[in-house]
């Protein structure tokens, strides 16, 4: 008789073993050492954590908003924003969508936006 059949009927899958029957079957995985543990740079020699006195910089507002134009009427859709880098050379353009025609217009934000 096949191990996959019971009382002459063919069973597609063998019976699942209970997880409880497997507990203690195999030894636990051994811990693997990857060398000495490095001390956290924010930790003093006594083990007390130093307080990080640095605060997060205030969120910057974009200097330009990215738009695309659709249709003959020139319907403008805002699709992103441009944030300058701290060094003043360049910036990051974050886009929520890409225009199909590939044309992106950058404009300074208005006061009400």
C-alpha atoms as a PDB file:
ATOM      1  CA  UNK A   1       0.000   0.000   0.000  1.00  0.00           C
ATOM      2  CA  UNK A   2       1.302   3.461  -0.901  1.00  0.00           C
ATOM      3  CA  UNK A   3       2.021   5.922   1.893  1.00  0.00           C
ATOM      4  CA  UNK A   4      -0.284   8.363   0.096  1.00  0.00           C
ATOM      5  CA  UNK A   5      -3.339   6.124   0.115  1.00  0.00           C
ATOM      6  CA  UNK A   6      -5.746   5.198   2.876  1.00  0.00           C
ATOM      7  CA  UNK A   7      -8.043   2.200   2.780  1.00  0.00           C
ATOM      8  CA  UNK A   8      -7.659   1.863  -0.951  1.00  0.00           C
ATOM      9  CA  UNK A   9      -8.501   5.543  -1.689  1.00  0.00           C
ATOM     10  CA  UNK A  10      -5.848   7.745  -3.207  1.00  0.00           C
ATOM     11  CA  UNK A  11      -5.016  10.884  -1.175  1.00  0.00           C
ATOM     12  CA  UNK A  12      -3.487  13.821  -3.050  1.00  0.00           C
ATOM     13  CA  UNK A  13      -1.459  15.161  -0.155  1.00  0.00           C
ATOM     14  CA  UNK A  14       0.129  13.279   2.718  1.00  0.00           C
ATOM     15  CA  UNK A  15      -1.340  14.073   6.136  1.00  0.00           C
ATOM     16  CA  UNK A  16       0.183  17.160   7.713  1.00  0.00           C
ATOM     17  CA  UNK A  17       2.177  16.463  10.842  1.00  0.00           C
ATOM     18  CA  UNK A  18       1.259  18.364  13.938  1.00  0.00           C
ATOM     19  CA  UNK A  19       3.680  21.079  14.986  1.00  0.00           C
ATOM     20  CA  UNK A  20       3.487  19.787  18.533  1.00  0.00           C
ATOM     21  CA  UNK A  21       4.978  16.479  17.486  1.00  0.00           C
ATOM     22  CA  UNK A  22       8.022  18.303  16.083  1.00  0.00           C
ATOM     23  CA  UNK A  23       8.839  20.345  19.179  1.00  0.00           C
ATOM     24  CA  UNK A  24      12.141  19.158  20.533  1.00  0.00           C
ATOM     25  CA  UNK A  25      12.883  17.019  17.452  1.00  0.00           C
ATOM     26  CA  UNK A  26      15.824  19.058  16.259  1.00  0.00           C
ATOM     27  CA  UNK A  27      18.247  21.194  18.219  1.00  0.00           C
ATOM     28  CA  UNK A  28      17.798  24.941  18.025  1.00  0.00           C
ATOM     29  CA  UNK A  29      19.893  26.883  15.557  1.00  0.00           C
ATOM     30  CA  UNK A  30      23.305  27.714  16.911  1.00  0.00           C
ATOM     31  CA  UNK A  31      24.216  31.358  17.333  1.00  0.00           C
ATOM     32  CA  UNK A  32      26.708  32.538  14.753  1.00  0.00           C
ATOM     33  CA  UNK A  33      29.390  34.987  15.806  1.00  0.00           C
ATOM     34  CA  UNK A  34      30.455  37.663  13.358  1.00  0.00           C
ATOM     35  CA  UNK A  35      33.250  39.024  15.507  1.00  0.00           C
ATOM     36  CA  UNK A  36      33.273  41.482  18.401  1.00  0.00           C
ATOM     37  CA  UNK A  37      30.205  43.595  19.026  1.00  0.00           C
ATOM     38  CA  UNK A  38      30.949  47.239  18.316  1.00  0.00           C
ATOM     39  CA  UNK A  39      29.936  49.761  20.941  1.00  0.00           C
ATOM     40  CA  UNK A  40      27.238  52.223  19.973  1.00  0.00           C
ATOM     41  CA  UNK A  41      28.729  55.676  19.359  1.00  0.00           C
ATOM     42  CA  UNK A  42      26.011  57.249  21.531  1.00  0.00           C
ATOM     43  CA  UNK A  43      26.956  55.067  24.504  1.00  0.00           C
ATOM     44  CA  UNK A  44      29.377  56.140  27.219  1.00  0.00           C
ATOM     45  CA  UNK A  45      31.905  53.796  28.821  1.00  0.00           C
ATOM     46  CA  UNK A  46      29.666  53.253  31.861  1.00  0.00           C
ATOM     47  CA  UNK A  47      26.828  52.025  29.675  1.00  0.00           C
ATOM     48  CA  UNK A  48      24.581  55.047  30.149  1.00  0.00           C
ATOM     49  CA  UNK A  49      23.127  56.415  26.964  1.00  0.00           C
ATOM     50  CA  UNK A  50      24.054  59.952  26.098  1.00  0.00           C
ATOM     51  CA  UNK A  51      21.222  62.212  25.112  1.00  0.00           C
ATOM     52  CA  UNK A  52      21.301  63.238  21.497  1.00  0.00           C
ATOM     53  CA  UNK A  53      21.113  67.025  21.689  1.00  0.00           C
ATOM     54  CA  UNK A  54      20.735  67.509  17.959  1.00  0.00           C
ATOM     55  CA  UNK A  55      17.243  68.410  16.865  1.00  0.00           C
ATOM     56  CA  UNK A  56      15.717  67.660  13.522  1.00  0.00           C
ATOM     57  CA  UNK A  57      15.977  70.522  11.065  1.00  0.00           C
ATOM     58  CA  UNK A  58      12.718  72.256  10.356  1.00  0.00           C
ATOM     59  CA  UNK A  59      11.060  70.986   7.194  1.00  0.00           C
ATOM     60  CA  UNK A  60      11.935  73.095   4.215  1.00  0.00           C
ATOM     61  CA  UNK A  61       9.346  74.382   1.844  1.00  0.00           C
ATOM     62  CA  UNK A  62       9.914  73.934  -1.881  1.00  0.00           C
ATOM     63  CA  UNK A  63      11.275  76.862  -3.847  1.00  0.00           C
ATOM     64  CA  UNK A  64       9.484  75.667  -7.005  1.00  0.00           C
ATOM     65  CA  UNK A  65       6.379  73.636  -7.765  1.00  0.00           C
ATOM     66  CA  UNK A  66       6.327  71.347 -10.794  1.00  0.00           C
ATOM     67  CA  UNK A  67       3.368  71.555 -13.175  1.00  0.00           C
ATOM     68  CA  UNK A  68       2.278  69.996 -16.434  1.00  0.00           C
ATOM     69  CA  UNK A  69      -0.194  71.471 -18.932  1.00  0.00           C
ATOM     70  CA  UNK A  70      -3.061  69.546 -20.519  1.00  0.00           C
ATOM     71  CA  UNK A  71      -5.420  70.374 -23.319  1.00  0.00           C
ATOM     72  CA  UNK A  72      -5.773  73.382 -25.602  1.00  0.00           C
ATOM     73  CA  UNK A  73      -6.935  75.606 -22.713  1.00  0.00           C
ATOM     74  CA  UNK A  74      -3.677  75.031 -20.821  1.00  0.00           C
ATOM     75  CA  UNK A  75      -5.081  73.285 -17.723  1.00  0.00           C
ATOM     76  CA  UNK A  76      -2.224  73.247 -15.198  1.00  0.00           C
ATOM     77  CA  UNK A  77      -1.801  70.245 -12.897  1.00  0.00           C
ATOM     78  CA  UNK A  78       0.649  70.313  -9.999  1.00  0.00           C
ATOM     79  CA  UNK A  79       2.737  67.126 -10.124  1.00  0.00           C
ATOM     80  CA  UNK A  80       5.660  67.781  -7.780  1.00  0.00           C
ATOM     81  CA  UNK A  81       8.054  70.142  -6.012  1.00  0.00           C
ATOM     82  CA  UNK A  82      11.714  71.205  -6.142  1.00  0.00           C
ATOM     83  CA  UNK A  83      13.720  71.424  -2.891  1.00  0.00           C
ATOM     84  CA  UNK A  84      17.179  73.086  -2.892  1.00  0.00           C
ATOM     85  CA  UNK A  85      20.243  71.382  -1.428  1.00  0.00           C
ATOM     86  CA  UNK A  86      21.916  72.899   1.633  1.00  0.00           C
ATOM     87  CA  UNK A  87      25.082  73.731  -0.306  1.00  0.00           C
ATOM     88  CA  UNK A  88      23.085  75.831  -2.797  1.00  0.00           C
ATOM     89  CA  UNK A  89      24.215  73.807  -5.800  1.00  0.00           C
ATOM     90  CA  UNK A  90      21.233  72.033  -7.282  1.00  0.00           C
ATOM     91  CA  UNK A  91      18.326  70.389  -5.574  1.00  0.00           C
ATOM     92  CA  UNK A  92      15.879  67.508  -5.532  1.00  0.00           C
ATOM     93  CA  UNK A  93      12.839  67.300  -7.787  1.00  0.00           C
ATOM     94  CA  UNK A  94      10.110  65.115  -6.263  1.00  0.00           C
ATOM     95  CA  UNK A  95       7.417  64.083  -8.732  1.00  0.00           C
ATOM     96  CA  UNK A  96       4.067  62.495  -7.875  1.00  0.00           C
ATOM     97  CA  UNK A  97       3.324  61.848 -11.551  1.00  0.00           C
ATOM     98  CA  UNK A  98       5.072  61.964 -14.917  1.00  0.00           C
ATOM     99  CA  UNK A  99       3.535  63.848 -17.826  1.00  0.00           C
ATOM    100  CA  UNK A 100       2.995  61.851 -21.000  1.00  0.00           C
ATOM    101  CA  UNK A 101       4.489  64.560 -23.200  1.00  0.00           C
ATOM    102  CA  UNK A 102       7.581  64.907 -20.960  1.00  0.00           C
ATOM    103  CA  UNK A 103       7.099  68.642 -20.372  1.00  0.00           C
ATOM    104  CA  UNK A 104       7.499  69.878 -16.788  1.00  0.00           C
ATOM    105  CA  UNK A 105       7.191  73.555 -15.828  1.00  0.00           C
ATOM    106  CA  UNK A 106       8.813  74.797 -12.593  1.00  0.00           C
ATOM    107  CA  UNK A 107       7.184  77.870 -11.025  1.00  0.00           C
ATOM    108  CA  UNK A 108       7.719  79.679  -7.739  1.00  0.00           C
ATOM    109  CA  UNK A 109       4.879  78.853  -5.314  1.00  0.00           C
ATOM    110  CA  UNK A 110       2.257  81.513  -4.701  1.00  0.00           C
ATOM    111  CA  UNK A 111       1.452  82.709  -1.185  1.00  0.00           C
ATOM    112  CA  UNK A 112      -1.916  80.902  -1.019  1.00  0.00           C
ATOM    113  CA  UNK A 113      -0.380  77.464  -1.784  1.00  0.00           C
END
